[in-house]
N, C-alpha and C. Protein backbone atom coordinates (compact mmCIF):
# COMPACT_ATOMS: atom_id res chain seq x y z
N UNK A 1 14.59 5.86 -2.82
CA UNK A 1 13.15 5.75 -2.90
C UNK A 1 12.82 4.89 -4.11
N UNK A 2 11.81 4.03 -3.96
CA UNK A 2 11.38 3.15 -5.04
C UNK A 2 9.88 3.30 -5.25
N UNK A 3 9.48 3.05 -6.50
CA UNK A 3 8.06 3.09 -6.86
C UNK A 3 7.69 1.80 -7.55
N UNK A 4 6.53 1.29 -7.20
CA UNK A 4 6.01 0.05 -7.76
C UNK A 4 4.55 0.23 -8.11
N UNK A 5 4.05 -0.61 -9.01
CA UNK A 5 2.61 -0.63 -9.29
C UNK A 5 2.21 -2.02 -9.76
N UNK A 6 0.95 -2.35 -9.54
CA UNK A 6 0.40 -3.61 -10.00
C UNK A 6 -1.11 -3.45 -10.15
N UNK A 7 -1.73 -4.41 -10.82
CA UNK A 7 -3.18 -4.41 -10.98
C UNK A 7 -3.77 -5.56 -10.18
N UNK A 8 -4.97 -5.34 -9.68
CA UNK A 8 -5.68 -6.35 -8.91
C UNK A 8 -7.16 -6.31 -9.25
N UNK A 9 -7.86 -7.41 -9.00
CA UNK A 9 -9.31 -7.45 -9.22
C UNK A 9 -10.06 -6.88 -8.03
N UNK A 10 -9.36 -6.61 -6.94
CA UNK A 10 -10.00 -6.03 -5.75
C UNK A 10 -10.36 -4.57 -6.00
N UNK A 11 -11.31 -4.09 -5.25
CA UNK A 11 -11.69 -2.68 -5.37
C UNK A 11 -10.61 -1.81 -4.72
N UNK A 12 -10.57 -0.51 -5.05
CA UNK A 12 -9.62 0.36 -4.38
C UNK A 12 -9.78 0.34 -2.86
N UNK A 13 -11.02 0.32 -2.39
CA UNK A 13 -11.28 0.29 -0.95
C UNK A 13 -10.68 -0.97 -0.32
N UNK A 14 -10.86 -2.12 -0.96
CA UNK A 14 -10.30 -3.37 -0.44
C UNK A 14 -8.77 -3.33 -0.41
N UNK A 15 -8.18 -2.79 -1.47
CA UNK A 15 -6.71 -2.71 -1.54
C UNK A 15 -6.16 -1.81 -0.43
N UNK A 16 -6.82 -0.69 -0.18
CA UNK A 16 -6.38 0.22 0.88
C UNK A 16 -6.54 -0.44 2.24
N UNK A 17 -7.64 -1.14 2.45
CA UNK A 17 -7.85 -1.84 3.73
C UNK A 17 -6.78 -2.90 3.96
N UNK A 18 -6.41 -3.62 2.91
CA UNK A 18 -5.35 -4.63 3.04
C UNK A 18 -4.02 -3.97 3.36
N UNK A 19 -3.76 -2.81 2.77
CA UNK A 19 -2.53 -2.08 3.07
C UNK A 19 -2.50 -1.65 4.54
N UNK A 20 -3.62 -1.19 5.04
CA UNK A 20 -3.70 -0.77 6.45
C UNK A 20 -3.44 -1.97 7.36
N UNK A 21 -4.03 -3.10 7.03
CA UNK A 21 -3.82 -4.31 7.84
C UNK A 21 -2.38 -4.79 7.78
N UNK A 22 -1.77 -4.70 6.61
CA UNK A 22 -0.42 -5.21 6.41
C UNK A 22 0.66 -4.29 7.01
N UNK A 23 0.57 -3.00 6.70
CA UNK A 23 1.62 -2.06 7.12
C UNK A 23 1.34 -1.40 8.47
N UNK A 24 0.08 -1.28 8.84
CA UNK A 24 -0.31 -0.53 10.02
C UNK A 24 -0.11 -1.25 11.34
N UNK A 25 -0.83 -0.78 12.33
CA UNK A 25 -0.67 -1.23 13.72
C UNK A 25 -0.79 -2.74 13.90
N UNK A 26 -1.73 -3.38 13.22
CA UNK A 26 -1.92 -4.82 13.38
C UNK A 26 -0.94 -5.66 12.58
N UNK A 27 -0.16 -5.01 11.70
CA UNK A 27 0.79 -5.73 10.85
C UNK A 27 2.22 -5.39 11.21
N UNK A 28 2.86 -4.61 10.34
CA UNK A 28 4.26 -4.23 10.56
C UNK A 28 4.43 -3.14 11.62
N UNK A 29 3.34 -2.51 12.00
CA UNK A 29 3.40 -1.52 13.07
C UNK A 29 3.82 -0.13 12.66
N UNK A 30 3.72 0.18 11.37
CA UNK A 30 4.05 1.54 10.93
C UNK A 30 2.92 2.48 11.34
N UNK A 31 3.29 3.73 11.56
CA UNK A 31 2.31 4.74 11.96
C UNK A 31 1.59 5.28 10.72
N UNK A 32 0.26 5.30 10.76
CA UNK A 32 -0.52 5.88 9.67
C UNK A 32 -0.45 7.40 9.79
N UNK A 33 0.07 8.05 8.75
CA UNK A 33 0.22 9.51 8.79
C UNK A 33 -0.86 10.22 7.98
N UNK A 34 -1.40 9.56 6.96
CA UNK A 34 -2.49 10.11 6.16
C UNK A 34 -3.37 8.97 5.69
N UNK A 35 -4.67 9.22 5.61
CA UNK A 35 -5.57 8.19 5.12
C UNK A 35 -6.75 8.84 4.44
N UNK A 36 -7.10 8.32 3.26
CA UNK A 36 -8.24 8.80 2.50
C UNK A 36 -8.88 7.57 1.84
N UNK A 37 -9.92 7.78 1.08
CA UNK A 37 -10.60 6.68 0.41
C UNK A 37 -9.67 5.98 -0.58
N UNK A 38 -8.81 6.74 -1.25
CA UNK A 38 -7.98 6.20 -2.32
C UNK A 38 -6.51 6.01 -1.96
N UNK A 39 -6.11 6.43 -0.77
CA UNK A 39 -4.68 6.36 -0.44
C UNK A 39 -4.45 6.31 1.06
N UNK A 40 -3.25 5.83 1.40
CA UNK A 40 -2.84 5.78 2.80
C UNK A 40 -1.32 5.89 2.85
N UNK A 41 -0.81 6.58 3.85
CA UNK A 41 0.63 6.74 4.03
C UNK A 41 1.04 6.28 5.42
N UNK A 42 2.21 5.67 5.48
CA UNK A 42 2.75 5.17 6.74
C UNK A 42 4.18 5.64 6.90
N UNK A 43 4.62 5.78 8.16
CA UNK A 43 6.01 6.12 8.47
C UNK A 43 6.49 5.24 9.61
N UNK A 44 7.78 5.01 9.63
CA UNK A 44 8.38 4.26 10.72
C UNK A 44 9.69 3.63 10.28
N UNK A 45 10.52 3.30 11.23
CA UNK A 45 11.78 2.64 10.93
C UNK A 45 12.70 3.42 10.02
N UNK A 46 12.59 4.73 10.02
CA UNK A 46 13.44 5.56 9.17
C UNK A 46 12.98 5.66 7.73
N UNK A 47 11.78 5.18 7.43
CA UNK A 47 11.29 5.22 6.06
C UNK A 47 9.80 5.47 6.00
N UNK A 48 9.26 5.26 4.82
CA UNK A 48 7.82 5.47 4.63
C UNK A 48 7.29 4.55 3.54
N UNK A 49 5.96 4.40 3.51
CA UNK A 49 5.24 3.69 2.45
C UNK A 49 3.98 4.49 2.16
N UNK A 50 3.73 4.76 0.88
CA UNK A 50 2.49 5.40 0.45
C UNK A 50 1.82 4.48 -0.56
N UNK A 51 0.54 4.21 -0.34
CA UNK A 51 -0.23 3.32 -1.21
C UNK A 51 -1.40 4.12 -1.79
N UNK A 52 -1.53 4.09 -3.12
CA UNK A 52 -2.62 4.76 -3.81
C UNK A 52 -3.33 3.74 -4.70
N UNK A 53 -4.64 3.70 -4.65
CA UNK A 53 -5.42 2.76 -5.46
C UNK A 53 -6.44 3.52 -6.30
N UNK A 54 -6.52 3.18 -7.59
CA UNK A 54 -7.47 3.84 -8.47
C UNK A 54 -8.10 2.81 -9.40
N UNK A 55 -9.34 3.08 -9.79
CA UNK A 55 -10.08 2.17 -10.65
C UNK A 55 -9.71 2.41 -12.10
N UNK A 56 -9.44 1.30 -12.80
CA UNK A 56 -9.15 1.36 -14.23
C UNK A 56 -10.17 0.54 -14.98
N UNK A 57 -9.80 0.03 -16.12
CA UNK A 57 -10.69 -0.81 -16.92
C UNK A 57 -10.81 -2.19 -16.29
N UNK A 58 -11.86 -2.40 -15.52
CA UNK A 58 -12.19 -3.67 -14.88
C UNK A 58 -11.19 -4.10 -13.79
N UNK A 59 -10.15 -3.33 -13.57
CA UNK A 59 -9.17 -3.67 -12.55
C UNK A 59 -8.80 -2.41 -11.77
N UNK A 60 -8.18 -2.64 -10.63
CA UNK A 60 -7.69 -1.54 -9.80
C UNK A 60 -6.18 -1.47 -9.94
N UNK A 61 -5.67 -0.28 -10.15
CA UNK A 61 -4.23 -0.07 -10.19
C UNK A 61 -3.79 0.40 -8.81
N UNK A 62 -2.80 -0.29 -8.26
CA UNK A 62 -2.26 0.06 -6.95
C UNK A 62 -0.83 0.53 -7.16
N UNK A 63 -0.53 1.74 -6.69
CA UNK A 63 0.81 2.31 -6.79
C UNK A 63 1.39 2.45 -5.40
N UNK A 64 2.66 2.10 -5.26
CA UNK A 64 3.33 2.18 -3.97
C UNK A 64 4.63 2.94 -4.12
N UNK A 65 4.89 3.79 -3.16
CA UNK A 65 6.16 4.52 -3.08
C UNK A 65 6.75 4.19 -1.72
N UNK A 66 8.04 3.88 -1.67
CA UNK A 66 8.63 3.47 -0.41
C UNK A 66 10.09 3.91 -0.28
N UNK A 67 10.49 4.04 0.95
CA UNK A 67 11.90 4.21 1.30
C UNK A 67 12.13 3.33 2.51
N UNK A 68 13.08 2.45 2.42
CA UNK A 68 13.48 1.53 3.50
C UNK A 68 12.55 0.34 3.71
N UNK A 69 11.49 0.22 2.95
CA UNK A 69 10.54 -0.88 3.14
C UNK A 69 10.33 -1.66 1.85
N UNK A 70 11.32 -1.71 0.97
CA UNK A 70 11.18 -2.36 -0.34
C UNK A 70 10.79 -3.83 -0.23
N UNK A 71 11.46 -4.57 0.62
CA UNK A 71 11.17 -6.00 0.75
C UNK A 71 9.72 -6.22 1.17
N UNK A 72 9.27 -5.48 2.16
CA UNK A 72 7.91 -5.63 2.66
C UNK A 72 6.88 -5.20 1.61
N UNK A 73 7.19 -4.17 0.84
CA UNK A 73 6.29 -3.73 -0.23
C UNK A 73 6.15 -4.84 -1.28
N UNK A 74 7.26 -5.47 -1.63
CA UNK A 74 7.21 -6.57 -2.61
C UNK A 74 6.39 -7.73 -2.07
N UNK A 75 6.51 -8.03 -0.79
CA UNK A 75 5.71 -9.09 -0.17
C UNK A 75 4.22 -8.72 -0.21
N UNK A 76 3.91 -7.48 0.08
CA UNK A 76 2.52 -7.01 0.02
C UNK A 76 1.96 -7.15 -1.39
N UNK A 77 2.76 -6.78 -2.38
CA UNK A 77 2.30 -6.87 -3.77
C UNK A 77 1.97 -8.31 -4.13
N UNK A 78 2.80 -9.26 -3.73
CA UNK A 78 2.53 -10.67 -4.02
C UNK A 78 1.25 -11.15 -3.34
N UNK A 79 1.03 -10.64 -2.15
CA UNK A 79 -0.12 -11.06 -1.37
C UNK A 79 -1.45 -10.51 -1.93
N UNK A 80 -1.43 -9.31 -2.44
CA UNK A 80 -2.66 -8.63 -2.84
C UNK A 80 -2.96 -8.78 -4.34
N UNK A 81 -1.94 -8.93 -5.16
CA UNK A 81 -2.13 -8.99 -6.62
C UNK A 81 -3.00 -10.15 -7.06
């Protein structure tokens, strides 16, 4: 299992929506197992991805936890950061 984090100028809501588009049905096709205003979790392919977004000082901190999806998580981070 790996954990990553980065900061973005996007709002938490925007970051979560991008995660849903990237990892979910229209993207990589992972199944959404939980979804809230600040977080979303996906499962599939023998692994999982959890994305949490929170507001900080003028930026949003996005935290990701993954198993088996490290490469895709790193690609997502480059795309959204």
